[in-house]
Amino acid sequence: MVSFSAYAAAALAFAGAASAGFYTTYPVAADRVSSLQQIQIKWQPSADAPSLVGVKSYTLKFMTGGNFVQTTVATVGTFGIAQTTVPFTIPQTAPGMYFLMYSIDGTAGASWSTRFSVNNGTTWYPEGVATGRDPEPTATKTGSAVPTSAILPSSAPAKETTSAGIPASSAPAEATSTVILKCHPVY
């Protein structure tokens, strides 16, 4: 089981490595495309990421999966940095959410588009296409639980009371419980 803090740390590291200067303008989250549809992938340099000055080429991939476990469905190709519009035919694939990954050859820098729907799909893990899944992040917290006897009225006459006027026999006892939170990132 992956702890929430480990997941958060990995997400921050991932976010730091994700800025390589590409900003996709088509296709984006609101766009719907279909298998075998010819599209024009469009991008522009990102003002919020490191400059692409000095970069000569990039590789573009059509992908699916989660934030950490990703599957390359097709390599679109390698292009000169000046080519900001790239023709691409969506491959025959299962309905789902897909995205583009830009990488600069010879560096660790990469950039991802937002997810967009292919064939009206909504899953990040299209059937028969995604090769794995991100781990489910969880967090645990230990705390106190109040037994129902502290809430329900006591039918027996009380001999002792607490400072709050609750019969001592019905006062909350110290108890421990575990709460498991499942967090799903929203992008």
C-alpha atoms as a PDB file:
ATOM      1  CA  MET A   1       0.000   0.000   0.000  1.00  0.00           C
ATOM      2  CA  VAL A   2       1.422   3.403  -0.983  1.00  0.00           C
ATOM      3  CA  SER A   3       1.228   6.071   1.695  1.00  0.00           C
ATOM      4  CA  PHE A   4      -0.372   9.404   0.914  1.00  0.00           C
ATOM      5  CA  SER A   5       2.849  11.286   1.721  1.00  0.00           C
ATOM      6  CA  ALA A   6       4.847   9.076  -0.641  1.00  0.00           C
ATOM      7  CA  TYR A   7       2.245   9.625  -3.362  1.00  0.00           C
ATOM      8  CA  ALA A   8       2.279  13.395  -2.777  1.00  0.00           C
ATOM      9  CA  ALA A   9       6.087  13.505  -2.898  1.00  0.00           C
ATOM     10  CA  ALA A  10       6.102  11.542  -6.150  1.00  0.00           C
ATOM     11  CA  ALA A  11       3.452  13.836  -7.627  1.00  0.00           C
ATOM     12  CA  LEU A  12       5.533  16.900  -6.779  1.00  0.00           C
ATOM     13  CA  ALA A  13       8.638  15.349  -8.306  1.00  0.00           C
ATOM     14  CA  PHE A  14       6.623  14.407 -11.387  1.00  0.00           C
ATOM     15  CA  ALA A  15       5.236  17.926 -11.674  1.00  0.00           C
ATOM     16  CA  GLY A  16       8.719  19.422 -11.494  1.00  0.00           C
ATOM     17  CA  ALA A  17       9.985  17.199 -14.284  1.00  0.00           C
ATOM     18  CA  ALA A  18       6.929  17.825 -16.422  1.00  0.00           C
ATOM     19  CA  SER A  19       7.775  21.349 -17.520  1.00  0.00           C
ATOM     20  CA  ALA A  20       9.610  21.237 -20.814  1.00  0.00           C
ATOM     21  CA  GLY A  21       8.113  24.201 -22.606  1.00  0.00           C
ATOM     22  CA  PHE A  22       5.285  22.697 -24.731  1.00  0.00           C
ATOM     23  CA  TYR A  23       1.662  23.837 -24.456  1.00  0.00           C
ATOM     24  CA  THR A  24      -0.872  21.860 -26.502  1.00  0.00           C
ATOM     25  CA  THR A  25      -3.672  23.904 -28.078  1.00  0.00           C
ATOM     26  CA  TYR A  26      -5.273  20.967 -29.972  1.00  0.00           C
ATOM     27  CA  PRO A  27      -6.447  18.432 -28.952  1.00  0.00           C
ATOM     28  CA  VAL A  28      -7.280  19.485 -25.390  1.00  0.00           C
ATOM     29  CA  ALA A  29      -9.612  18.302 -22.621  1.00  0.00           C
ATOM     30  CA  ALA A  30     -12.872  19.442 -24.241  1.00  0.00           C
ATOM     31  CA  ASP A  31     -12.027  17.867 -27.607  1.00  0.00           C
ATOM     32  CA  ARG A  32     -13.452  14.545 -28.776  1.00  0.00           C
ATOM     33  CA  VAL A  33     -11.750  12.613 -31.565  1.00  0.00           C
ATOM     34  CA  SER A  34     -12.373   9.220 -33.155  1.00  0.00           C
ATOM     35  CA  SER A  35     -10.205   6.322 -34.258  1.00  0.00           C
ATOM     36  CA  LEU A  36      -8.835   6.788 -37.779  1.00  0.00           C
ATOM     37  CA  GLN A  37      -9.624  10.523 -37.701  1.00  0.00           C
ATOM     38  CA  GLN A  38      -6.954  12.748 -39.251  1.00  0.00           C
ATOM     39  CA  ILE A  39      -6.146  15.645 -36.871  1.00  0.00           C
ATOM     40  CA  GLN A  40      -3.654  18.470 -36.705  1.00  0.00           C
ATOM     41  CA  ILE A  41      -1.866  18.419 -33.338  1.00  0.00           C
ATOM     42  CA  LYS A  42      -1.029  22.017 -32.427  1.00  0.00           C
ATOM     43  CA  TRP A  43       1.221  23.383 -29.733  1.00  0.00           C
ATOM     44  CA  GLN A  44       2.994  26.575 -28.766  1.00  0.00           C
ATOM     45  CA  PRO A  45       5.901  27.321 -26.425  1.00  0.00           C
ATOM     46  CA  SER A  46       4.726  27.534 -22.829  1.00  0.00           C
ATOM     47  CA  ALA A  47       5.309  30.814 -21.021  1.00  0.00           C
ATOM     48  CA  ASP A  48       5.316  28.982 -17.672  1.00  0.00           C
ATOM     49  CA  ALA A  49       7.984  26.408 -18.485  1.00  0.00           C
ATOM     50  CA  PRO A  50      11.683  26.522 -19.318  1.00  0.00           C
ATOM     51  CA  SER A  51      12.551  28.080 -22.654  1.00  0.00           C
ATOM     52  CA  LEU A  52      12.957  25.900 -25.722  1.00  0.00           C
ATOM     53  CA  VAL A  53      15.835  28.100 -26.944  1.00  0.00           C
ATOM     54  CA  GLY A  54      18.615  25.832 -28.168  1.00  0.00           C
ATOM     55  CA  VAL A  55      16.344  22.800 -28.569  1.00  0.00           C
ATOM     56  CA  LYS A  56      16.601  21.388 -32.076  1.00  0.00           C
ATOM     57  CA  SER A  57      13.986  18.603 -32.065  1.00  0.00           C
ATOM     58  CA  TYR A  58      11.357  16.820 -29.999  1.00  0.00           C
ATOM     59  CA  THR A  59       9.629  13.446 -30.037  1.00  0.00           C
ATOM     60  CA  LEU A  60       5.851  13.303 -29.803  1.00  0.00           C
ATOM     61  CA  LYS A  61       3.948  10.247 -28.505  1.00  0.00           C
ATOM     62  CA  PHE A  62       0.235   9.376 -28.313  1.00  0.00           C
ATOM     63  CA  MET A  63      -0.328   7.840 -24.876  1.00  0.00           C
ATOM     64  CA  THR A  64      -2.811   6.616 -22.281  1.00  0.00           C
ATOM     65  CA  GLY A  65      -2.729   5.616 -18.621  1.00  0.00           C
ATOM     66  CA  GLY A  66      -2.344   7.324 -15.289  1.00  0.00           C
ATOM     67  CA  ASN A  67       0.009   9.975 -14.030  1.00  0.00           C
ATOM     68  CA  PHE A  68       2.802   7.501 -13.252  1.00  0.00           C
ATOM     69  CA  VAL A  69       2.069   4.304 -15.186  1.00  0.00           C
ATOM     70  CA  GLN A  70       1.741   5.342 -18.816  1.00  0.00           C
ATOM     71  CA  THR A  71       1.443   3.372 -22.039  1.00  0.00           C
ATOM     72  CA  THR A  72       2.732   4.550 -25.412  1.00  0.00           C
ATOM     73  CA  VAL A  73       0.044   3.739 -27.971  1.00  0.00           C
ATOM     74  CA  ALA A  74       1.916   5.237 -30.936  1.00  0.00           C
ATOM     75  CA  THR A  75       5.004   7.339 -31.579  1.00  0.00           C
ATOM     76  CA  VAL A  76       3.835  10.222 -33.723  1.00  0.00           C
ATOM     77  CA  GLY A  77       7.420  11.038 -34.727  1.00  0.00           C
ATOM     78  CA  THR A  78      10.409  13.291 -34.166  1.00  0.00           C
ATOM     79  CA  PHE A  79      10.142  16.830 -35.464  1.00  0.00           C
ATOM     80  CA  GLY A  80      12.175  20.001 -35.731  1.00  0.00           C
ATOM     81  CA  ILE A  81      11.367  22.437 -32.910  1.00  0.00           C
ATOM     82  CA  ALA A  82       9.882  24.932 -35.392  1.00  0.00           C
ATOM     83  CA  GLN A  83       7.154  22.448 -36.367  1.00  0.00           C
ATOM     84  CA  THR A  84       4.250  23.393 -34.074  1.00  0.00           C
ATOM     85  CA  THR A  85       1.515  21.724 -36.157  1.00  0.00           C
ATOM     86  CA  VAL A  86       1.797  17.975 -36.710  1.00  0.00           C
ATOM     87  CA  PRO A  87      -0.577  15.866 -38.827  1.00  0.00           C
ATOM     88  CA  PHE A  88      -1.628  12.632 -37.120  1.00  0.00           C
ATOM     89  CA  THR A  89      -4.180   9.903 -37.693  1.00  0.00           C
ATOM     90  CA  ILE A  90      -5.673   8.596 -34.442  1.00  0.00           C
ATOM     91  CA  PRO A  91      -4.965   4.852 -34.415  1.00  0.00           C
ATOM     92  CA  GLN A  92      -7.729   2.237 -34.170  1.00  0.00           C
ATOM     93  CA  THR A  93      -8.020   1.974 -30.389  1.00  0.00           C
ATOM     94  CA  ALA A  94     -10.422   1.380 -27.506  1.00  0.00           C
ATOM     95  CA  PRO A  95     -12.599   4.187 -26.134  1.00  0.00           C
ATOM     96  CA  GLY A  96     -10.790   6.109 -23.410  1.00  0.00           C
ATOM     97  CA  MET A  97      -8.850   9.163 -22.353  1.00  0.00           C
ATOM     98  CA  TYR A  98      -5.553   9.743 -24.152  1.00  0.00           C
ATOM     99  CA  PHE A  99      -2.854  12.418 -24.077  1.00  0.00           C
ATOM    100  CA  LEU A 100       0.281  13.553 -25.869  1.00  0.00           C
ATOM    101  CA  MET A 101       3.803  13.448 -24.462  1.00  0.00           C
ATOM    102  CA  TYR A 102       6.527  15.715 -25.815  1.00  0.00           C
ATOM    103  CA  SER A 103      10.122  14.830 -24.995  1.00  0.00           C
ATOM    104  CA  ILE A 104      13.368  16.507 -25.850  1.00  0.00           C
ATOM    105  CA  ASP A 105      15.905  13.961 -26.995  1.00  0.00           C
ATOM    106  CA  GLY A 106      18.894  13.585 -24.711  1.00  0.00           C
ATOM    107  CA  THR A 107      17.250  15.262 -21.697  1.00  0.00           C
ATOM    108  CA  ALA A 108      14.942  14.299 -18.852  1.00  0.00           C
ATOM    109  CA  GLY A 109      12.568  17.117 -19.801  1.00  0.00           C
ATOM    110  CA  ALA A 110       9.090  16.172 -20.943  1.00  0.00           C
ATOM    111  CA  SER A 111       5.686  17.791 -21.215  1.00  0.00           C
ATOM    112  CA  TRP A 112       2.191  16.329 -21.354  1.00  0.00           C
ATOM    113  CA  SER A 113      -1.038  17.592 -22.874  1.00  0.00           C
ATOM    114  CA  THR A 114      -4.318  17.408 -21.013  1.00  0.00           C
ATOM    115  CA  ARG A 115      -6.314  14.217 -21.536  1.00  0.00           C
ATOM    116  CA  PHE A 116      -8.830  14.183 -24.376  1.00  0.00           C
ATOM    117  CA  SER A 117     -11.482  11.632 -25.284  1.00  0.00           C
ATOM    118  CA  VAL A 118     -11.132   9.112 -28.093  1.00  0.00           C
ATOM    119  CA  ASN A 119     -14.322   7.340 -29.237  1.00  0.00           C
ATOM    120  CA  ASN A 120     -16.294   9.057 -26.418  1.00  0.00           C
ATOM    121  CA  GLY A 121     -14.263   7.205 -23.783  1.00  0.00           C
ATOM    122  CA  THR A 122     -13.899   8.344 -20.195  1.00  0.00           C
ATOM    123  CA  THR A 123     -11.491   5.863 -18.572  1.00  0.00           C
ATOM    124  CA  TRP A 124      -7.797   6.559 -18.055  1.00  0.00           C
ATOM    125  CA  TYR A 125      -7.151   2.848 -18.600  1.00  0.00           C
ATOM    126  CA  PRO A 126      -8.759   1.789 -21.918  1.00  0.00           C
ATOM    127  CA  GLU A 127      -9.523  -1.936 -22.084  1.00  0.00           C
ATOM    128  CA  GLY A 128      -6.753  -3.857 -23.811  1.00  0.00           C
ATOM    129  CA  VAL A 129      -4.598  -0.732 -24.314  1.00  0.00           C
ATOM    130  CA  ALA A 130      -3.286   0.434 -20.920  1.00  0.00           C
ATOM    131  CA  THR A 131      -0.566  -1.878 -19.629  1.00  0.00           C
ATOM    132  CA  GLY A 132      -0.823  -0.933 -15.956  1.00  0.00           C
ATOM    133  CA  ARG A 133      -2.431   1.336 -13.402  1.00  0.00           C
ATOM    134  CA  ASP A 134      -1.211   3.955 -10.962  1.00  0.00           C
ATOM    135  CA  PRO A 135      -1.121   2.717  -7.362  1.00  0.00           C
ATOM    136  CA  GLU A 136      -4.120   3.715  -5.263  1.00  0.00           C
ATOM    137  CA  PRO A 137      -2.855   6.336  -2.794  1.00  0.00           C
ATOM    138  CA  THR A 138      -3.957   5.866   0.792  1.00  0.00           C
ATOM    139  CA  ALA A 139      -3.412   7.652   4.066  1.00  0.00           C
ATOM    140  CA  THR A 140      -4.039   6.438   7.576  1.00  0.00           C
ATOM    141  CA  LYS A 141      -4.799   8.465  10.653  1.00  0.00           C
ATOM    142  CA  THR A 142      -5.217   7.246  14.191  1.00  0.00           C
ATOM    143  CA  GLY A 143      -7.778   9.022  16.327  1.00  0.00           C
ATOM    144  CA  SER A 144     -10.368   8.583  19.050  1.00  0.00           C
ATOM    145  CA  ALA A 145     -13.772   7.086  18.572  1.00  0.00           C
ATOM    146  CA  VAL A 146     -16.743   7.731  20.821  1.00  0.00           C
ATOM    147  CA  PRO A 147     -18.560   4.559  21.842  1.00  0.00           C
ATOM    148  CA  THR A 148     -22.323   4.545  21.351  1.00  0.00           C
ATOM    149  CA  SER A 149     -22.757   4.235  25.128  1.00  0.00           C
ATOM    150  CA  ALA A 150     -21.596   7.855  25.430  1.00  0.00           C
ATOM    151  CA  ILE A 151     -24.340   9.007  23.080  1.00  0.00           C
ATOM    152  CA  LEU A 152     -27.246   6.799  24.117  1.00  0.00           C
ATOM    153  CA  PRO A 153     -28.970   7.525  27.432  1.00  0.00           C
ATOM    154  CA  SER A 154     -28.171   5.116  30.239  1.00  0.00           C
ATOM    155  CA  SER A 155     -31.089   3.173  31.716  1.00  0.00           C
ATOM    156  CA  ALA A 156     -29.282   2.448  34.981  1.00  0.00           C
ATOM    157  CA  PRO A 157     -29.192   5.051  37.724  1.00  0.00           C
ATOM    158  CA  ALA A 158     -25.811   6.735  37.840  1.00  0.00           C
ATOM    159  CA  LYS A 159     -23.838   6.944  41.027  1.00  0.00           C
ATOM    160  CA  GLU A 160     -20.962   9.021  39.654  1.00  0.00           C
ATOM    161  CA  THR A 161     -20.919  11.726  37.018  1.00  0.00           C
ATOM    162  CA  THR A 162     -18.155  13.441  35.100  1.00  0.00           C
ATOM    163  CA  SER A 163     -17.555  17.192  35.254  1.00  0.00           C
ATOM    164  CA  ALA A 164     -19.876  17.458  32.224  1.00  0.00           C
ATOM    165  CA  GLY A 165     -22.681  15.715  34.112  1.00  0.00           C
ATOM    166  CA  ILE A 166     -22.422  12.481  32.094  1.00  0.00           C
ATOM    167  CA  PRO A 167     -22.669   9.294  34.162  1.00  0.00           C
ATOM    168  CA  ALA A 168     -19.139   7.954  34.639  1.00  0.00           C
ATOM    169  CA  SER A 169     -20.229   4.531  33.435  1.00  0.00           C
ATOM    170  CA  SER A 170     -21.282   6.091  30.113  1.00  0.00           C
ATOM    171  CA  ALA A 171     -18.356   8.473  29.615  1.00  0.00           C
ATOM    172  CA  PRO A 172     -16.401   7.958  26.400  1.00  0.00           C
ATOM    173  CA  ALA A 173     -13.602   5.447  26.765  1.00  0.00           C
ATOM    174  CA  GLU A 174     -10.380   5.946  24.816  1.00  0.00           C
ATOM    175  CA  ALA A 175     -10.601   3.949  21.613  1.00  0.00           C
ATOM    176  CA  THR A 176      -8.505   3.852  18.468  1.00  0.00           C
ATOM    177  CA  SER A 177      -9.767   3.644  14.925  1.00  0.00           C
ATOM    178  CA  THR A 178      -8.127   3.697  11.538  1.00  0.00           C
ATOM    179  CA  VAL A 179      -9.453   5.879   8.740  1.00  0.00           C
ATOM    180  CA  ILE A 180      -8.352   5.087   5.202  1.00  0.00           C
ATOM    181  CA  LEU A 181      -8.647   7.884   2.676  1.00  0.00           C
ATOM    182  CA  LYS A 182      -8.507   7.143  -1.034  1.00  0.00           C
ATOM    183  CA  CYS A 183      -7.385  10.162  -2.995  1.00  0.00           C
ATOM    184  CA  HIS A 184      -7.736  10.502  -6.744  1.00  0.00           C
ATOM    185  CA  PRO A 185      -5.931  13.398  -8.396  1.00  0.00           C
ATOM    186  CA  VAL A 186      -8.044  15.637 -10.575  1.00  0.00           C
ATOM    187  CA  TYR A 187      -6.459  17.189 -13.617  1.00  0.00           C
END
